PDB file of N, CA and C in Angstrom:
ATOM      1  N   UNK A   1      30.039   8.958  44.973  1.00  0.00           N
ATOM      2  CA  UNK A   1      30.677  10.205  44.612  1.00  0.00           C
ATOM      3  C   UNK A   1      31.335  10.803  45.847  1.00  0.00           C
ATOM      4  N   UNK A   2      32.406  11.524  45.666  1.00  0.00           N
ATOM      5  CA  UNK A   2      33.096  12.084  46.820  1.00  0.00           C
ATOM      6  C   UNK A   2      32.268  13.145  47.521  1.00  0.00           C
ATOM      7  N   UNK A   3      32.626  13.400  48.767  1.00  0.00           N
ATOM      8  CA  UNK A   3      31.943  14.440  49.526  1.00  0.00           C
ATOM      9  C   UNK A   3      32.188  15.794  48.888  1.00  0.00           C
ATOM     10  N   UNK A   4      31.178  16.639  48.976  1.00  0.00           N
ATOM     11  CA  UNK A   4      31.306  17.987  48.447  1.00  0.00           C
ATOM     12  C   UNK A   4      32.228  18.786  49.352  1.00  0.00           C
ATOM     13  N   UNK A   5      33.157  19.488  48.744  1.00  0.00           N
ATOM     14  CA  UNK A   5      34.081  20.309  49.526  1.00  0.00           C
ATOM     15  C   UNK A   5      33.751  21.775  49.285  1.00  0.00           C
ATOM     16  N   UNK A   6      33.982  22.593  50.283  1.00  0.00           N
ATOM     17  CA  UNK A   6      33.672  24.009  50.165  1.00  0.00           C
ATOM     18  C   UNK A   6      34.893  24.848  49.828  1.00  0.00           C
ATOM     19  N   UNK A   7      36.050  24.215  49.757  1.00  0.00           N
ATOM     20  CA  UNK A   7      37.276  24.913  49.390  1.00  0.00           C
ATOM     21  C   UNK A   7      37.201  25.244  47.894  1.00  0.00           C
ATOM     22  N   UNK A   8      37.156  26.537  47.536  1.00  0.00           N
ATOM     23  CA  UNK A   8      36.979  26.907  46.129  1.00  0.00           C
ATOM     24  C   UNK A   8      38.117  26.421  45.228  1.00  0.00           C
ATOM     25  N   UNK A   9      39.324  26.375  45.732  1.00  0.00           N
ATOM     26  CA  UNK A   9      40.453  25.919  44.922  1.00  0.00           C
ATOM     27  C   UNK A   9      40.292  24.430  44.605  1.00  0.00           C
ATOM     28  N   UNK A  10      39.927  23.645  45.630  1.00  0.00           N
ATOM     29  CA  UNK A  10      39.729  22.206  45.423  1.00  0.00           C
ATOM     30  C   UNK A  10      38.535  21.953  44.503  1.00  0.00           C
ATOM     31  N   UNK A  11      37.462  22.719  44.675  1.00  0.00           N
ATOM     32  CA  UNK A  11      36.292  22.548  43.800  1.00  0.00           C
ATOM     33  C   UNK A  11      36.652  22.844  42.350  1.00  0.00           C
ATOM     34  N   UNK A  12      37.442  23.882  42.129  1.00  0.00           N
ATOM     35  CA  UNK A  12      37.865  24.226  40.774  1.00  0.00           C
ATOM     36  C   UNK A  12      38.756  23.124  40.191  1.00  0.00           C
ATOM     37  N   UNK A  13      39.675  22.621  40.991  1.00  0.00           N
ATOM     38  CA  UNK A  13      40.561  21.541  40.535  1.00  0.00           C
ATOM     39  C   UNK A  13      39.738  20.292  40.200  1.00  0.00           C
ATOM     40  N   UNK A  14      38.775  19.973  41.059  1.00  0.00           N
ATOM     41  CA  UNK A  14      37.914  18.809  40.814  1.00  0.00           C
ATOM     42  C   UNK A  14      37.105  19.016  39.534  1.00  0.00           C
ATOM     43  N   UNK A  15      36.605  20.232  39.348  1.00  0.00           N
ATOM     44  CA  UNK A  15      35.839  20.541  38.139  1.00  0.00           C
ATOM     45  C   UNK A  15      36.700  20.325  36.885  1.00  0.00           C
ATOM     46  N   UNK A  16      37.955  20.766  36.931  1.00  0.00           N
ATOM     47  CA  UNK A  16      38.862  20.593  35.791  1.00  0.00           C
ATOM     48  C   UNK A  16      39.149  19.103  35.540  1.00  0.00           C
ATOM     49  N   UNK A  17      39.335  18.345  36.617  1.00  0.00           N
ATOM     50  CA  UNK A  17      39.578  16.901  36.462  1.00  0.00           C
ATOM     51  C   UNK A  17      38.355  16.210  35.877  1.00  0.00           C
ATOM     52  N   UNK A  18      37.167  16.629  36.334  1.00  0.00           N
ATOM     53  CA  UNK A  18      35.929  16.060  35.794  1.00  0.00           C
ATOM     54  C   UNK A  18      35.779  16.402  34.323  1.00  0.00           C
ATOM     55  N   UNK A  19      36.063  17.641  33.981  1.00  0.00           N
ATOM     56  CA  UNK A  19      35.965  18.065  32.586  1.00  0.00           C
ATOM     57  C   UNK A  19      36.941  17.266  31.708  1.00  0.00           C
ATOM     58  N   UNK A  20      38.149  17.076  32.171  1.00  0.00           N
ATOM     59  CA  UNK A  20      39.135  16.287  31.421  1.00  0.00           C
ATOM     60  C   UNK A  20      38.673  14.843  31.261  1.00  0.00           C
ATOM     61  N   UNK A  21      38.148  14.273  32.339  1.00  0.00           N
ATOM     62  CA  UNK A  21      37.656  12.896  32.281  1.00  0.00           C
ATOM     63  C   UNK A  21      36.480  12.785  31.315  1.00  0.00           C
ATOM     64  N   UNK A  22      35.579  13.756  31.348  1.00  0.00           N
ATOM     65  CA  UNK A  22      34.425  13.764  30.433  1.00  0.00           C
ATOM     66  C   UNK A  22      34.897  13.853  28.986  1.00  0.00           C
ATOM     67  N   UNK A  23      35.868  14.725  28.716  1.00  0.00           N
ATOM     68  CA  UNK A  23      36.381  14.865  27.352  1.00  0.00           C
ATOM     69  C   UNK A  23      37.034  13.572  26.870  1.00  0.00           C
ATOM     70  N   UNK A  24      37.757  12.911  27.755  1.00  0.00           N
ATOM     71  CA  UNK A  24      38.391  11.638  27.410  1.00  0.00           C
ATOM     72  C   UNK A  24      37.338  10.583  27.072  1.00  0.00           C
ATOM     73  N   UNK A  25      36.326  10.465  27.923  1.00  0.00           N
ATOM     74  CA  UNK A  25      35.271   9.477  27.696  1.00  0.00           C
ATOM     75  C   UNK A  25      34.490   9.808  26.426  1.00  0.00           C
ATOM     76  N   UNK A  26      34.185  11.059  26.224  1.00  0.00           N
ATOM     77  CA  UNK A  26      33.457  11.463  25.020  1.00  0.00           C
ATOM     78  C   UNK A  26      34.257  11.112  23.766  1.00  0.00           C
ATOM     79  N   UNK A  27      35.552  11.342  23.805  1.00  0.00           N
ATOM     80  CA  UNK A  27      36.408  10.973  22.673  1.00  0.00           C
ATOM     81  C   UNK A  27      36.369   9.471  22.416  1.00  0.00           C
ATOM     82  N   UNK A  28      36.435   8.682  23.487  1.00  0.00           N
ATOM     83  CA  UNK A  28      36.360   7.227  23.334  1.00  0.00           C
ATOM     84  C   UNK A  28      35.017   6.804  22.763  1.00  0.00           C
ATOM     85  N   UNK A  29      33.945   7.432  23.241  1.00  0.00           N
ATOM     86  CA  UNK A  29      32.610   7.094  22.737  1.00  0.00           C
ATOM     87  C   UNK A  29      32.472   7.423  21.256  1.00  0.00           C
ATOM     88  N   UNK A  30      33.095   8.505  20.833  1.00  0.00           N
ATOM     89  CA  UNK A  30      33.039   8.884  19.411  1.00  0.00           C
ATOM     90  C   UNK A  30      33.862   7.942  18.546  1.00  0.00           C
ATOM     91  N   UNK A  31      35.082   7.617  19.012  1.00  0.00           N
ATOM     92  CA  UNK A  31      35.995   6.792  18.208  1.00  0.00           C
ATOM     93  C   UNK A  31      35.636   5.317  18.264  1.00  0.00           C
ATOM     94  N   UNK A  32      35.521   4.786  19.460  1.00  0.00           N
ATOM     95  CA  UNK A  32      35.256   3.356  19.632  1.00  0.00           C
ATOM     96  C   UNK A  32      34.692   3.126  21.036  1.00  0.00           C
ATOM     97  N   UNK A  33      33.367   3.050  21.166  1.00  0.00           N
ATOM     98  CA  UNK A  33      32.742   2.891  22.480  1.00  0.00           C
ATOM     99  C   UNK A  33      33.232   1.663  23.252  1.00  0.00           C
ATOM    100  N   UNK A  34      33.784   0.694  22.549  1.00  0.00           N
ATOM    101  CA  UNK A  34      34.260  -0.522  23.224  1.00  0.00           C
ATOM    102  C   UNK A  34      35.511  -0.267  24.066  1.00  0.00           C
ATOM    103  N   UNK A  35      36.131   0.891  23.898  1.00  0.00           N
ATOM    104  CA  UNK A  35      37.345   1.194  24.651  1.00  0.00           C
ATOM    105  C   UNK A  35      37.053   1.874  25.989  1.00  0.00           C
ATOM    106  N   UNK A  36      35.801   2.188  26.268  1.00  0.00           N
ATOM    107  CA  UNK A  36      35.437   2.807  27.552  1.00  0.00           C
ATOM    108  C   UNK A  36      35.535   1.728  28.635  1.00  0.00           C
ATOM    109  N   UNK A  37      36.190   2.074  29.748  1.00  0.00           N
ATOM    110  CA  UNK A  37      36.470   1.084  30.794  1.00  0.00           C
ATOM    111  C   UNK A  37      35.880   1.494  32.144  1.00  0.00           C
ATOM    112  N   UNK A  38      35.961   0.566  33.074  1.00  0.00           N
ATOM    113  CA  UNK A  38      35.522   0.876  34.440  1.00  0.00           C
ATOM    114  C   UNK A  38      36.413   1.951  35.057  1.00  0.00           C
ATOM    115  N   UNK A  39      37.658   2.026  34.627  1.00  0.00           N
ATOM    116  CA  UNK A  39      38.556   3.083  35.116  1.00  0.00           C
ATOM    117  C   UNK A  39      38.028   4.463  34.693  1.00  0.00           C
ATOM    118  N   UNK A  40      37.454   4.554  33.503  1.00  0.00           N
ATOM    119  CA  UNK A  40      36.851   5.818  33.052  1.00  0.00           C
ATOM    120  C   UNK A  40      35.674   6.189  33.949  1.00  0.00           C
ATOM    121  N   UNK A  41      34.851   5.202  34.271  1.00  0.00           N
ATOM    122  CA  UNK A  41      33.703   5.447  35.158  1.00  0.00           C
ATOM    123  C   UNK A  41      34.205   5.903  36.530  1.00  0.00           C
ATOM    124  N   UNK A  42      35.241   5.250  37.023  1.00  0.00           N
ATOM    125  CA  UNK A  42      35.803   5.615  38.331  1.00  0.00           C
ATOM    126  C   UNK A  42      36.336   7.044  38.317  1.00  0.00           C
ATOM    127  N   UNK A  43      37.011   7.407  37.252  1.00  0.00           N
ATOM    128  CA  UNK A  43      37.553   8.761  37.146  1.00  0.00           C
ATOM    129  C   UNK A  43      36.438   9.804  37.171  1.00  0.00           C
ATOM    130  N   UNK A  44      35.352   9.514  36.479  1.00  0.00           N
ATOM    131  CA  UNK A  44      34.209  10.440  36.490  1.00  0.00           C
ATOM    132  C   UNK A  44      33.599  10.511  37.891  1.00  0.00           C
ATOM    133  N   UNK A  45      33.403   9.364  38.494  1.00  0.00           N
ATOM    134  CA  UNK A  45      32.781   9.300  39.816  1.00  0.00           C
ATOM    135  C   UNK A  45      33.624  10.019  40.871  1.00  0.00           C
ATOM    136  N   UNK A  46      34.927   9.802  40.813  1.00  0.00           N
ATOM    137  CA  UNK A  46      35.820  10.411  41.810  1.00  0.00           C
ATOM    138  C   UNK A  46      35.826  11.929  41.760  1.00  0.00           C
ATOM    139  N   UNK A  47      35.475  12.495  40.632  1.00  0.00           N
ATOM    140  CA  UNK A  47      35.574  13.948  40.477  1.00  0.00           C
ATOM    141  C   UNK A  47      34.225  14.655  40.392  1.00  0.00           C
ATOM    142  N   UNK A  48      33.140  13.920  40.502  1.00  0.00           N
ATOM    143  CA  UNK A  48      31.808  14.515  40.420  1.00  0.00           C
ATOM    144  C   UNK A  48      31.355  15.021  41.782  1.00  0.00           C
ATOM    145  N   UNK A  49      30.537  16.047  41.760  1.00  0.00           N
ATOM    146  CA  UNK A  49      29.929  16.580  42.988  1.00  0.00           C
ATOM    147  C   UNK A  49      28.715  15.721  43.331  1.00  0.00           C
ATOM    148  N   UNK A  50      28.484  15.487  44.609  1.00  0.00           N
ATOM    149  CA  UNK A  50      27.361  14.663  45.051  1.00  0.00           C
ATOM    150  C   UNK A  50      26.017  15.189  44.547  1.00  0.00           C
ATOM    151  N   UNK A  51      25.826  16.466  44.588  1.00  0.00           N
ATOM    152  CA  UNK A  51      24.530  17.044  44.253  1.00  0.00           C
ATOM    153  C   UNK A  51      24.305  17.220  42.748  1.00  0.00           C
ATOM    154  N   UNK A  52      25.296  16.879  41.941  1.00  0.00           N
ATOM    155  CA  UNK A  52      25.212  17.081  40.494  1.00  0.00           C
ATOM    156  C   UNK A  52      24.524  15.889  39.840  1.00  0.00           C
ATOM    157  N   UNK A  53      23.186  15.973  39.728  1.00  0.00           N
ATOM    158  CA  UNK A  53      22.420  14.847  39.192  1.00  0.00           C
ATOM    159  C   UNK A  53      22.649  14.656  37.691  1.00  0.00           C
ATOM    160  N   UNK A  54      22.916  15.720  36.978  1.00  0.00           N
ATOM    161  CA  UNK A  54      23.173  15.589  35.541  1.00  0.00           C
ATOM    162  C   UNK A  54      24.434  14.756  35.292  1.00  0.00           C
ATOM    163  N   UNK A  55      25.475  15.053  36.040  1.00  0.00           N
ATOM    164  CA  UNK A  55      26.712  14.283  35.905  1.00  0.00           C
ATOM    165  C   UNK A  55      26.487  12.844  36.343  1.00  0.00           C
ATOM    166  N   UNK A  56      25.689  12.643  37.380  1.00  0.00           N
ATOM    167  CA  UNK A  56      25.387  11.291  37.848  1.00  0.00           C
ATOM    168  C   UNK A  56      24.689  10.486  36.757  1.00  0.00           C
ATOM    169  N   UNK A  57      23.813  11.127  35.995  1.00  0.00           N
ATOM    170  CA  UNK A  57      23.120  10.449  34.890  1.00  0.00           C
ATOM    171  C   UNK A  57      24.104  10.087  33.783  1.00  0.00           C
ATOM    172  N   UNK A  58      25.037  10.969  33.493  1.00  0.00           N
ATOM    173  CA  UNK A  58      26.059  10.686  32.477  1.00  0.00           C
ATOM    174  C   UNK A  58      26.925   9.516  32.930  1.00  0.00           C
ATOM    175  N   UNK A  59      27.327   9.531  34.195  1.00  0.00           N
ATOM    176  CA  UNK A  59      28.155   8.453  34.729  1.00  0.00           C
ATOM    177  C   UNK A  59      27.406   7.122  34.647  1.00  0.00           C
ATOM    178  N   UNK A  60      26.121   7.136  34.967  1.00  0.00           N
ATOM    179  CA  UNK A  60      25.319   5.910  34.883  1.00  0.00           C
ATOM    180  C   UNK A  60      25.254   5.404  33.440  1.00  0.00           C
ATOM    181  N   UNK A  61      25.114   6.310  32.487  1.00  0.00           N
ATOM    182  CA  UNK A  61      25.071   5.913  31.075  1.00  0.00           C
ATOM    183  C   UNK A  61      26.410   5.329  30.629  1.00  0.00           C
ATOM    184  N   UNK A  62      27.502   5.938  31.070  1.00  0.00           N
ATOM    185  CA  UNK A  62      28.833   5.428  30.728  1.00  0.00           C
ATOM    186  C   UNK A  62      29.038   4.054  31.366  1.00  0.00           C
ATOM    187  N   UNK A  63      28.596   3.887  32.605  1.00  0.00           N
ATOM    188  CA  UNK A  63      28.699   2.583  33.274  1.00  0.00           C
ATOM    189  C   UNK A  63      27.884   1.535  32.519  1.00  0.00           C
ATOM    190  N   UNK A  64      26.754   1.929  31.969  1.00  0.00           N
ATOM    191  CA  UNK A  64      25.931   1.013  31.181  1.00  0.00           C
ATOM    192  C   UNK A  64      26.668   0.583  29.907  1.00  0.00           C
ATOM    193  N   UNK A  65      27.365   1.511  29.268  1.00  0.00           N
ATOM    194  CA  UNK A  65      28.157   1.184  28.075  1.00  0.00           C
ATOM    195  C   UNK A  65      29.240   0.165  28.445  1.00  0.00           C
ATOM    196  N   UNK A  66      29.901   0.378  29.561  1.00  0.00           N
ATOM    197  CA  UNK A  66      30.951  -0.542  30.009  1.00  0.00           C
ATOM    198  C   UNK A  66      30.362  -1.929  30.262  1.00  0.00           C
ATOM    199  N   UNK A  67      29.202  -1.981  30.916  1.00  0.00           N
ATOM    200  CA  UNK A  67      28.560  -3.272  31.197  1.00  0.00           C
ATOM    201  C   UNK A  67      28.199  -3.991  29.902  1.00  0.00           C
ATOM    202  N   UNK A  68      27.660  -3.256  28.935  1.00  0.00           N
ATOM    203  CA  UNK A  68      27.321  -3.880  27.643  1.00  0.00           C
ATOM    204  C   UNK A  68      28.563  -4.347  26.913  1.00  0.00           C
ATOM    205  N   UNK A  69      29.647  -3.591  27.010  1.00  0.00           N
ATOM    206  CA  UNK A  69      30.911  -4.015  26.390  1.00  0.00           C
ATOM    207  C   UNK A  69      31.373  -5.343  26.980  1.00  0.00           C
ATOM    208  N   UNK A  70      31.276  -5.468  28.303  1.00  0.00           N
ATOM    209  CA  UNK A  70      31.696  -6.705  28.962  1.00  0.00           C
ATOM    210  C   UNK A  70      30.817  -7.874  28.537  1.00  0.00           C
ATOM    211  N   UNK A  71      29.501  -7.637  28.437  1.00  0.00           N
ATOM    212  CA  UNK A  71      28.591  -8.694  27.985  1.00  0.00           C
ATOM    213  C   UNK A  71      28.924  -9.118  26.559  1.00  0.00           C
ATOM    214  N   UNK A  72      29.185  -8.139  25.708  1.00  0.00           N
ATOM    215  CA  UNK A  72      29.515  -8.431  24.311  1.00  0.00           C
ATOM    216  C   UNK A  72      30.825  -9.218  24.213  1.00  0.00           C
ATOM    217  N   UNK A  73      31.802  -8.855  25.029  1.00  0.00           N
ATOM    218  CA  UNK A  73      33.070  -9.583  25.028  1.00  0.00           C
ATOM    219  C   UNK A  73      32.864 -11.023  25.479  1.00  0.00           C
ATOM    220  N   UNK A  74      31.981 -11.232  26.450  1.00  0.00           N
ATOM    221  CA  UNK A  74      31.703 -12.589  26.925  1.00  0.00           C
ATOM    222  C   UNK A  74      31.044 -13.411  25.818  1.00  0.00           C
ATOM    223  N   UNK A  75      30.109 -12.800  25.089  1.00  0.00           N
ATOM    224  CA  UNK A  75      29.440 -13.498  23.984  1.00  0.00           C
ATOM    225  C   UNK A  75      30.446 -13.821  22.889  1.00  0.00           C
ATOM    226  N   UNK A  76      31.293 -12.857  22.547  1.00  0.00           N
ATOM    227  CA  UNK A  76      32.301 -13.106  21.514  1.00  0.00           C
ATOM    228  C   UNK A  76      33.270 -14.186  21.953  1.00  0.00           C
ATOM    229  N   UNK A  77      33.595 -14.226  23.228  1.00  0.00           N
ATOM    230  CA  UNK A  77      34.466 -15.279  23.744  1.00  0.00           C
ATOM    231  C   UNK A  77      33.826 -16.645  23.587  1.00  0.00           C
ATOM    232  N   UNK A  78      32.515 -16.723  23.840  1.00  0.00           N
ATOM    233  CA  UNK A  78      31.801 -17.989  23.673  1.00  0.00           C
ATOM    234  C   UNK A  78      31.757 -18.394  22.211  1.00  0.00           C
ATOM    235  N   UNK A  79      31.540 -17.429  21.315  1.00  0.00           N
ATOM    236  CA  UNK A  79      31.526 -17.738  19.887  1.00  0.00           C
ATOM    237  C   UNK A  79      32.889 -18.227  19.432  1.00  0.00           C
ATOM    238  N   UNK A  80      33.942 -17.640  19.945  1.00  0.00           N
ATOM    239  CA  UNK A  80      35.290 -18.072  19.567  1.00  0.00           C
ATOM    240  C   UNK A  80      35.530 -19.501  20.022  1.00  0.00           C
ATOM    241  N   UNK A  81      35.087 -19.850  21.220  1.00  0.00           N
ATOM    242  CA  UNK A  81      35.289 -21.217  21.685  1.00  0.00           C
ATOM    243  C   UNK A  81      34.448 -22.192  20.881  1.00  0.00           C
ATOM    244  N   UNK A  82      33.266 -21.767  20.405  1.00  0.00           N
ATOM    245  CA  UNK A  82      32.451 -22.630  19.539  1.00  0.00           C
ATOM    246  C   UNK A  82      33.165 -22.889  18.225  1.00  0.00           C
ATOM    247  N   UNK A  83      33.775 -21.864  17.646  1.00  0.00           N
ATOM    248  CA  UNK A  83      34.465 -22.060  16.377  1.00  0.00           C
ATOM    249  C   UNK A  83      35.693 -22.938  16.565  1.00  0.00           C
ATOM    250  N   UNK A  84      36.339 -22.842  17.715  1.00  0.00           N
ATOM    251  CA  UNK A  84      37.469 -23.728  17.995  1.00  0.00           C
ATOM    252  C   UNK A  84      36.980 -25.164  18.074  1.00  0.00           C
ATOM    253  N   UNK A  85      35.849 -25.390  18.721  1.00  0.00           N
ATOM    254  CA  UNK A  85      35.291 -26.730  18.814  1.00  0.00           C
ATOM    255  C   UNK A  85      34.890 -27.251  17.439  1.00  0.00           C
ATOM    256  N   UNK A  86      34.313 -26.396  16.602  1.00  0.00           N
ATOM    257  CA  UNK A  86      33.942 -26.789  15.242  1.00  0.00           C
ATOM    258  C   UNK A  86      35.184 -27.162  14.460  1.00  0.00           C
ATOM    259  N   UNK A  87      36.207 -26.398  14.595  1.00  0.00           N
ATOM    260  CA  UNK A  87      37.467 -26.700  13.938  1.00  0.00           C
ATOM    261  C   UNK A  87      38.000 -28.057  14.398  1.00  0.00           C
ATOM    262  N   UNK A  88      37.867 -28.319  15.689  1.00  0.00           N
ATOM    263  CA  UNK A  88      38.327 -29.596  16.245  1.00  0.00           C
ATOM    264  C   UNK A  88      37.543 -30.759  15.636  1.00  0.00           C
ATOM    265  N   UNK A  89      36.236 -30.604  15.443  1.00  0.00           N
ATOM    266  CA  UNK A  89      35.413 -31.652  14.835  1.00  0.00           C
ATOM    267  C   UNK A  89      35.905 -31.959  13.431  1.00  0.00           C
ATOM    268  N   UNK A  90      36.157 -30.913  12.662  1.00  0.00           N
ATOM    269  CA  UNK A  90      36.633 -31.101  11.295  1.00  0.00           C
ATOM    270  C   UNK A  90      38.011 -31.777  11.292  1.00  0.00           C
ATOM    271  N   UNK A  91      38.892 -31.341  12.193  1.00  0.00           N
ATOM    272  CA  UNK A  91      40.226 -31.956  12.287  1.00  0.00           C
ATOM    273  C   UNK A  91      40.122 -33.431  12.666  1.00  0.00           C
ATOM    274  N   UNK A  92      39.231 -33.740  13.606  1.00  0.00           N
ATOM    275  CA  UNK A  92      39.053 -35.136  14.022  1.00  0.00           C
ATOM    276  C   UNK A  92      38.533 -35.995  12.873  1.00  0.00           C
ATOM    277  N   UNK A  93      37.602 -35.456  12.096  1.00  0.00           N
ATOM    278  CA  UNK A  93      37.081 -36.192  10.946  1.00  0.00           C
ATOM    279  C   UNK A  93      38.188 -36.453   9.929  1.00  0.00           C
ATOM    280  N   UNK A  94      38.967 -35.439   9.637  1.00  0.00           N
ATOM    281  CA  UNK A  94      40.065 -35.595   8.685  1.00  0.00           C
ATOM    282  C   UNK A  94      41.059 -36.646   9.177  1.00  0.00           C
ATOM    283  N   UNK A  95      41.373 -36.618  10.462  1.00  0.00           N
ATOM    284  CA  UNK A  95      42.296 -37.603  11.027  1.00  0.00           C
ATOM    285  C   UNK A  95      41.714 -39.015  10.918  1.00  0.00           C
ATOM    286  N   UNK A  96      40.419 -39.144  11.174  1.00  0.00           N
ATOM    287  CA  UNK A  96      39.776 -40.455  11.070  1.00  0.00           C
ATOM    288  C   UNK A  96      39.792 -40.959   9.631  1.00  0.00           C
ATOM    289  N   UNK A  97      39.513 -40.067   8.686  1.00  0.00           N
ATOM    290  CA  UNK A  97      39.528 -40.456   7.271  1.00  0.00           C
ATOM    291  C   UNK A  97      40.936 -40.865   6.859  1.00  0.00           C
ATOM    292  N   UNK A  98      41.936 -40.138   7.269  1.00  0.00           N
ATOM    293  CA  UNK A  98      43.316 -40.451   6.898  1.00  0.00           C
ATOM    294  C   UNK A  98      43.828 -41.722   7.571  1.00  0.00           C
ATOM    295  N   UNK A  99      43.421 -41.936   8.831  1.00  0.00           N
ATOM    296  CA  UNK A  99      43.927 -43.070   9.590  1.00  0.00           C
ATOM    297  C   UNK A  99      43.212 -44.372   9.225  1.00  0.00           C
ATOM    298  N   UNK A 100      41.898 -44.318   9.268  1.00  0.00           N
ATOM    299  CA  UNK A 100      41.094 -45.517   8.998  1.00  0.00           C
ATOM    300  C   UNK A 100      39.965 -45.179   8.026  1.00  0.00           C
ATOM    301  N   UNK A 101      40.271 -44.990   6.764  1.00  0.00           N
ATOM    302  CA  UNK A 101      39.237 -44.577   5.817  1.00  0.00           C
ATOM    303  C   UNK A 101      38.081 -45.566   5.715  1.00  0.00           C
ATOM    304  N   UNK A 102      38.343 -46.833   5.926  1.00  0.00           N
ATOM    305  CA  UNK A 102      37.275 -47.835   5.834  1.00  0.00           C
ATOM    306  C   UNK A 102      36.276 -47.745   6.969  1.00  0.00           C
ATOM    307  N   UNK A 103      36.671 -47.144   8.097  1.00  0.00           N
ATOM    308  CA  UNK A 103      35.803 -47.030   9.271  1.00  0.00           C
ATOM    309  C   UNK A 103      34.874 -45.818   9.199  1.00  0.00           C
ATOM    310  N   UNK A 104      35.146 -44.896   8.312  1.00  0.00           N
ATOM    311  CA  UNK A 104      34.319 -43.690   8.184  1.00  0.00           C
ATOM    312  C   UNK A 104      33.154 -44.027   7.262  1.00  0.00           C
ATOM    313  N   UNK A 105      31.968 -44.129   7.871  1.00  0.00           N
ATOM    314  CA  UNK A 105      30.784 -44.478   7.084  1.00  0.00           C
ATOM    315  C   UNK A 105      29.905 -43.257   6.843  1.00  0.00           C
ATOM    316  N   UNK A 106      28.824 -43.446   6.128  1.00  0.00           N
ATOM    317  CA  UNK A 106      27.940 -42.324   5.786  1.00  0.00           C
ATOM    318  C   UNK A 106      27.302 -41.702   7.020  1.00  0.00           C
ATOM    319  N   UNK A 107      27.045 -42.506   8.065  1.00  0.00           N
ATOM    320  CA  UNK A 107      26.463 -41.944   9.293  1.00  0.00           C
ATOM    321  C   UNK A 107      27.412 -40.939   9.936  1.00  0.00           C
ATOM    322  N   UNK A 108      28.689 -41.264   9.983  1.00  0.00           N
ATOM    323  CA  UNK A 108      29.684 -40.345  10.554  1.00  0.00           C
ATOM    324  C   UNK A 108      29.762 -39.080   9.715  1.00  0.00           C
ATOM    325  N   UNK A 109      29.757 -39.241   8.392  1.00  0.00           N
ATOM    326  CA  UNK A 109      29.823 -38.071   7.513  1.00  0.00           C
ATOM    327  C   UNK A 109      28.576 -37.201   7.651  1.00  0.00           C
ATOM    328  N   UNK A 110      27.397 -37.825   7.750  1.00  0.00           N
ATOM    329  CA  UNK A 110      26.148 -37.062   7.906  1.00  0.00           C
ATOM    330  C   UNK A 110      26.125 -36.315   9.239  1.00  0.00           C
ATOM    331  N   UNK A 111      26.575 -36.988  10.290  1.00  0.00           N
ATOM    332  CA  UNK A 111      26.629 -36.342  11.614  1.00  0.00           C
ATOM    333  C   UNK A 111      27.563 -35.140  11.592  1.00  0.00           C
ATOM    334  N   UNK A 112      28.735 -35.332  11.006  1.00  0.00           N
ATOM    335  CA  UNK A 112      29.705 -34.232  10.902  1.00  0.00           C
ATOM    336  C   UNK A 112      29.117 -33.089  10.073  1.00  0.00           C
ATOM    337  N   UNK A 113      28.477 -33.430   8.968  1.00  0.00           N
ATOM    338  CA  UNK A 113      27.866 -32.409   8.118  1.00  0.00           C
ATOM    339  C   UNK A 113      26.787 -31.626   8.871  1.00  0.00           C
ATOM    340  N   UNK A 114      25.991 -32.322   9.668  1.00  0.00           N
ATOM    341  CA  UNK A 114      24.923 -31.612  10.414  1.00  0.00           C
ATOM    342  C   UNK A 114      25.526 -30.686  11.470  1.00  0.00           C
ATOM    343  N   UNK A 115      26.628 -31.118  12.089  1.00  0.00           N
ATOM    344  CA  UNK A 115      27.296 -30.260  13.080  1.00  0.00           C
ATOM    345  C   UNK A 115      27.849 -29.016  12.398  1.00  0.00           C
ATOM    346  N   UNK A 116      28.532 -29.214  11.287  1.00  0.00           N
ATOM    347  CA  UNK A 116      29.127 -28.086  10.564  1.00  0.00           C
ATOM    348  C   UNK A 116      28.045 -27.153  10.030  1.00  0.00           C
ATOM    349  N   UNK A 117      26.947 -27.716   9.530  1.00  0.00           N
ATOM    350  CA  UNK A 117      25.860 -26.892   8.969  1.00  0.00           C
ATOM    351  C   UNK A 117      25.150 -26.073  10.042  1.00  0.00           C
ATOM    352  N   UNK A 118      25.028 -26.623  11.258  1.00  0.00           N
ATOM    353  CA  UNK A 118      24.329 -25.895  12.311  1.00  0.00           C
ATOM    354  C   UNK A 118      25.138 -24.732  12.845  1.00  0.00           C
ATOM    355  N   UNK A 119      26.441 -24.769  12.678  1.00  0.00           N
ATOM    356  CA  UNK A 119      27.304 -23.687  13.152  1.00  0.00           C
ATOM    357  C   UNK A 119      27.336 -22.645  12.073  1.00  0.00           C
TER     358      UNK A 119
END
């Protein structure tokens, strides 16, 4: 957090910037918490007073939301790549059946079925 300043005009301006940043973050949390970003956390941090522990707790909670959003995005990214791989398996099976139908035996079909069923 920035150093505390004793200039009343600067403190008032910082307070207004903090209030605006808080209102923005609160709106995002109400509408869609996934839209809260590290830039929002930075904006809160840059305008908070060092000695303001209540604001520090709010900033920590907002940072936690951002961290969870990033974790969730990583998990969703992994799930998307799994579905792409599953799609590829099905496409490969179809190509094998179309190209060499006599070579596709029950073992290949059972293996493909178990892969598709597990996903």
